[in-house]
Amino acid sequence: MAERTIRSPLPGIFYRQPSPDAEPFVKEGDVIQPGTVIGLVGVMKTFHQITADSGGRVVRFLVENEEPIRPGQEIAVLTDAGDE
């Protein structure tokens, strides 16, 4: 099982959903494609989409919703879609 991570390109607050009442962009166990939005980073009331560089299955999130993050910090772990 080859694991890889999605990292934050910038500092801010990480959000897993587009609004407080909405479903998360993706959940653990979801299979995603390159370019899939996995969350947002808010910086001074501006929101930047965080997208997957590669496809795969989301194994786990390493950052909680509304948690501060820094540039390069790992956000989520992916594995190949066929791996369990």
N, C-alpha and C. Protein backbone atom coordinates (compact mmCIF):
# COMPACT_ATOMS: atom_id res chain seq x y z
N MET A 1 0.85 -1.17 0.00
CA MET A 1 0.00 0.00 0.00
C MET A 1 0.90 1.24 0.00
N ALA A 2 0.91 1.96 -1.12
CA ALA A 2 1.73 3.16 -1.25
C ALA A 2 0.92 4.37 -0.80
N GLU A 3 1.33 4.94 0.33
CA GLU A 3 0.62 6.12 0.83
C GLU A 3 1.33 7.38 0.37
N ARG A 4 0.53 8.41 0.14
CA ARG A 4 1.06 9.73 -0.19
C ARG A 4 0.17 10.76 0.49
N THR A 5 0.66 11.98 0.60
CA THR A 5 -0.10 12.98 1.34
C THR A 5 -0.44 14.18 0.46
N ILE A 6 -1.47 14.89 0.87
CA ILE A 6 -1.82 16.18 0.29
C ILE A 6 -1.37 17.21 1.31
N ARG A 7 -0.62 18.21 0.85
CA ARG A 7 -0.07 19.23 1.74
C ARG A 7 -0.69 20.59 1.46
N SER A 8 -0.68 21.41 2.48
CA SER A 8 -1.20 22.77 2.33
C SER A 8 -0.16 23.65 1.64
N PRO A 9 -0.57 24.42 0.62
CA PRO A 9 0.37 25.32 -0.03
C PRO A 9 0.55 26.65 0.72
N LEU A 10 -0.32 26.92 1.70
CA LEU A 10 -0.26 28.21 2.39
C LEU A 10 -0.78 28.10 3.81
N PRO A 11 -0.48 29.09 4.65
CA PRO A 11 -0.96 29.07 6.03
C PRO A 11 -2.40 29.57 6.10
N GLY A 12 -3.08 29.19 7.15
CA GLY A 12 -4.45 29.66 7.36
C GLY A 12 -5.23 28.70 8.22
N ILE A 13 -6.54 28.73 8.07
CA ILE A 13 -7.45 27.83 8.79
C ILE A 13 -8.00 26.84 7.77
N PHE A 14 -7.93 25.54 8.09
CA PHE A 14 -8.41 24.50 7.18
C PHE A 14 -9.88 24.22 7.44
N TYR A 15 -10.64 24.15 6.36
CA TYR A 15 -12.08 23.83 6.43
C TYR A 15 -12.35 22.62 5.55
N ARG A 16 -13.03 21.62 6.10
CA ARG A 16 -13.36 20.41 5.34
C ARG A 16 -14.65 20.54 4.56
N GLN A 17 -15.44 21.58 4.81
CA GLN A 17 -16.71 21.75 4.10
C GLN A 17 -16.84 23.20 3.65
N PRO A 18 -17.67 23.45 2.61
CA PRO A 18 -17.80 24.80 2.07
C PRO A 18 -18.54 25.77 2.97
N SER A 19 -19.37 25.25 3.87
CA SER A 19 -20.08 26.10 4.84
C SER A 19 -20.38 25.25 6.07
N PRO A 20 -20.68 25.87 7.20
CA PRO A 20 -20.88 25.10 8.44
C PRO A 20 -21.96 24.03 8.36
N ASP A 21 -23.01 24.25 7.56
CA ASP A 21 -24.10 23.28 7.48
C ASP A 21 -23.96 22.28 6.34
N ALA A 22 -22.92 22.42 5.53
CA ALA A 22 -22.74 21.57 4.35
C ALA A 22 -22.00 20.28 4.71
N GLU A 23 -22.13 19.30 3.83
CA GLU A 23 -21.36 18.06 3.94
C GLU A 23 -19.89 18.36 3.63
N PRO A 24 -18.96 17.56 4.16
CA PRO A 24 -17.55 17.74 3.81
C PRO A 24 -17.33 17.55 2.31
N PHE A 25 -16.30 18.20 1.78
CA PHE A 25 -15.96 18.01 0.37
C PHE A 25 -15.71 16.53 0.08
N VAL A 26 -14.91 15.88 0.90
CA VAL A 26 -14.66 14.44 0.79
C VAL A 26 -14.60 13.85 2.19
N LYS A 27 -14.82 12.55 2.26
CA LYS A 27 -14.77 11.84 3.54
C LYS A 27 -13.71 10.75 3.47
N GLU A 28 -13.28 10.29 4.63
CA GLU A 28 -12.36 9.16 4.67
C GLU A 28 -13.04 7.98 4.00
N GLY A 29 -12.30 7.30 3.12
CA GLY A 29 -12.84 6.18 2.37
C GLY A 29 -13.27 6.54 0.96
N ASP A 30 -13.47 7.84 0.69
CA ASP A 30 -13.86 8.27 -0.66
C ASP A 30 -12.72 8.06 -1.64
N VAL A 31 -13.08 7.71 -2.88
CA VAL A 31 -12.11 7.64 -3.97
C VAL A 31 -12.19 8.96 -4.72
N ILE A 32 -11.04 9.61 -4.89
CA ILE A 32 -11.01 10.93 -5.52
C ILE A 32 -10.12 10.90 -6.76
N GLN A 33 -10.29 11.90 -7.60
CA GLN A 33 -9.52 12.06 -8.83
C GLN A 33 -8.56 13.24 -8.66
N PRO A 34 -7.52 13.32 -9.51
CA PRO A 34 -6.68 14.52 -9.48
C PRO A 34 -7.54 15.76 -9.70
N GLY A 35 -7.29 16.79 -8.92
CA GLY A 35 -8.05 18.02 -9.04
C GLY A 35 -9.27 18.10 -8.14
N THR A 36 -9.60 17.00 -7.45
CA THR A 36 -10.73 17.01 -6.52
C THR A 36 -10.45 17.96 -5.37
N VAL A 37 -11.41 18.81 -5.05
CA VAL A 37 -11.28 19.72 -3.91
C VAL A 37 -11.48 18.91 -2.63
N ILE A 38 -10.52 18.96 -1.72
CA ILE A 38 -10.64 18.23 -0.45
C ILE A 38 -10.93 19.16 0.72
N GLY A 39 -10.76 20.47 0.50
CA GLY A 39 -11.01 21.42 1.57
C GLY A 39 -10.65 22.82 1.13
N LEU A 40 -10.76 23.74 2.07
CA LEU A 40 -10.43 25.14 1.84
C LEU A 40 -9.45 25.60 2.91
N VAL A 41 -8.60 26.56 2.55
CA VAL A 41 -7.77 27.24 3.53
C VAL A 41 -8.21 28.70 3.51
N GLY A 42 -8.62 29.17 4.67
CA GLY A 42 -9.05 30.56 4.81
C GLY A 42 -7.91 31.42 5.32
N VAL A 43 -7.66 32.51 4.59
CA VAL A 43 -6.63 33.47 4.96
C VAL A 43 -7.25 34.86 4.86
N MET A 44 -7.44 35.51 6.00
CA MET A 44 -8.00 36.87 6.04
C MET A 44 -9.29 36.98 5.22
N LYS A 45 -10.22 36.06 5.48
CA LYS A 45 -11.55 36.02 4.85
C LYS A 45 -11.52 35.73 3.36
N THR A 46 -10.39 35.25 2.85
CA THR A 46 -10.29 34.76 1.48
C THR A 46 -10.07 33.26 1.56
N PHE A 47 -10.79 32.50 0.73
CA PHE A 47 -10.73 31.05 0.79
C PHE A 47 -10.07 30.49 -0.47
N HIS A 48 -9.13 29.58 -0.27
CA HIS A 48 -8.38 28.96 -1.35
C HIS A 48 -8.68 27.46 -1.35
N GLN A 49 -9.04 26.92 -2.52
CA GLN A 49 -9.32 25.49 -2.62
C GLN A 49 -8.04 24.69 -2.52
N ILE A 50 -8.11 23.59 -1.78
CA ILE A 50 -7.01 22.63 -1.71
C ILE A 50 -7.44 21.44 -2.54
N THR A 51 -6.65 21.11 -3.57
CA THR A 51 -7.01 20.02 -4.47
C THR A 51 -5.99 18.90 -4.41
N ALA A 52 -6.43 17.72 -4.79
CA ALA A 52 -5.56 16.55 -4.84
C ALA A 52 -4.68 16.62 -6.09
N ASP A 53 -3.39 16.35 -5.93
CA ASP A 53 -2.48 16.29 -7.07
C ASP A 53 -2.63 14.97 -7.83
N SER A 54 -3.07 13.94 -7.11
CA SER A 54 -3.25 12.62 -7.72
C SER A 54 -4.53 12.00 -7.18
N GLY A 55 -4.99 10.99 -7.87
CA GLY A 55 -6.19 10.29 -7.43
C GLY A 55 -5.86 9.21 -6.42
N GLY A 56 -6.89 8.68 -5.79
CA GLY A 56 -6.72 7.60 -4.84
C GLY A 56 -7.84 7.58 -3.82
N ARG A 57 -7.68 6.74 -2.81
CA ARG A 57 -8.65 6.64 -1.73
C ARG A 57 -8.16 7.46 -0.54
N VAL A 58 -9.04 8.27 0.04
CA VAL A 58 -8.70 9.06 1.22
C VAL A 58 -8.66 8.11 2.42
N VAL A 59 -7.47 7.94 3.00
CA VAL A 59 -7.31 7.03 4.14
C VAL A 59 -7.69 7.74 5.43
N ARG A 60 -7.13 8.95 5.62
CA ARG A 60 -7.44 9.71 6.84
C ARG A 60 -7.03 11.17 6.65
N PHE A 61 -7.67 12.01 7.44
CA PHE A 61 -7.29 13.42 7.51
C PHE A 61 -6.37 13.60 8.70
N LEU A 62 -5.34 14.41 8.52
CA LEU A 62 -4.37 14.67 9.58
C LEU A 62 -4.62 16.02 10.25
N VAL A 63 -5.60 16.76 9.72
CA VAL A 63 -5.96 18.08 10.24
C VAL A 63 -7.46 18.09 10.48
N GLU A 64 -7.87 18.60 11.61
CA GLU A 64 -9.30 18.70 11.92
C GLU A 64 -9.90 19.94 11.26
N ASN A 65 -11.21 19.93 11.11
CA ASN A 65 -11.93 21.07 10.58
C ASN A 65 -11.68 22.30 11.46
N GLU A 66 -11.45 23.44 10.83
CA GLU A 66 -11.21 24.73 11.49
C GLU A 66 -9.92 24.75 12.32
N GLU A 67 -8.96 23.92 11.96
CA GLU A 67 -7.67 23.89 12.64
C GLU A 67 -6.66 24.75 11.87
N PRO A 68 -5.83 25.53 12.57
CA PRO A 68 -4.78 26.29 11.88
C PRO A 68 -3.77 25.34 11.23
N ILE A 69 -3.31 25.71 10.03
CA ILE A 69 -2.28 24.93 9.34
C ILE A 69 -1.21 25.87 8.83
N ARG A 70 -0.06 25.28 8.50
CA ARG A 70 1.07 26.07 7.99
C ARG A 70 1.45 25.54 6.60
N PRO A 71 2.21 26.31 5.83
CA PRO A 71 2.61 25.85 4.50
C PRO A 71 3.39 24.53 4.58
N GLY A 72 3.05 23.60 3.71
CA GLY A 72 3.73 22.31 3.67
C GLY A 72 3.19 21.29 4.64
N GLN A 73 2.28 21.69 5.51
CA GLN A 73 1.72 20.75 6.48
C GLN A 73 0.86 19.71 5.77
N GLU A 74 1.00 18.45 6.17
CA GLU A 74 0.20 17.37 5.59
C GLU A 74 -1.24 17.49 6.07
N ILE A 75 -2.17 17.40 5.10
CA ILE A 75 -3.59 17.53 5.40
C ILE A 75 -4.29 16.18 5.40
N ALA A 76 -3.99 15.36 4.38
CA ALA A 76 -4.69 14.08 4.23
C ALA A 76 -3.75 13.05 3.64
N VAL A 77 -4.06 11.78 3.93
CA VAL A 77 -3.29 10.65 3.42
C VAL A 77 -4.14 9.93 2.38
N LEU A 78 -3.53 9.66 1.22
CA LEU A 78 -4.18 8.90 0.15
C LEU A 78 -3.43 7.59 -0.07
N THR A 79 -4.14 6.61 -0.60
CA THR A 79 -3.53 5.38 -1.06
C THR A 79 -4.16 5.05 -2.40
N ASP A 80 -3.62 4.08 -3.11
CA ASP A 80 -4.20 3.71 -4.39
C ASP A 80 -5.64 3.26 -4.18
N ALA A 81 -6.51 3.56 -5.13
CA ALA A 81 -7.95 3.31 -4.98
C ALA A 81 -8.27 1.84 -4.72
N GLY A 82 -7.47 0.93 -5.25
CA GLY A 82 -7.74 -0.49 -5.06
C GLY A 82 -7.27 -1.04 -3.72
N ASP A 83 -6.44 -0.28 -3.01
CA ASP A 83 -5.92 -0.73 -1.71
C ASP A 83 -6.99 -0.59 -0.64
N GLU A 84 -7.03 -1.52 0.25
CA GLU A 84 -8.00 -1.47 1.37
C GLU A 84 -7.27 -1.15 2.64
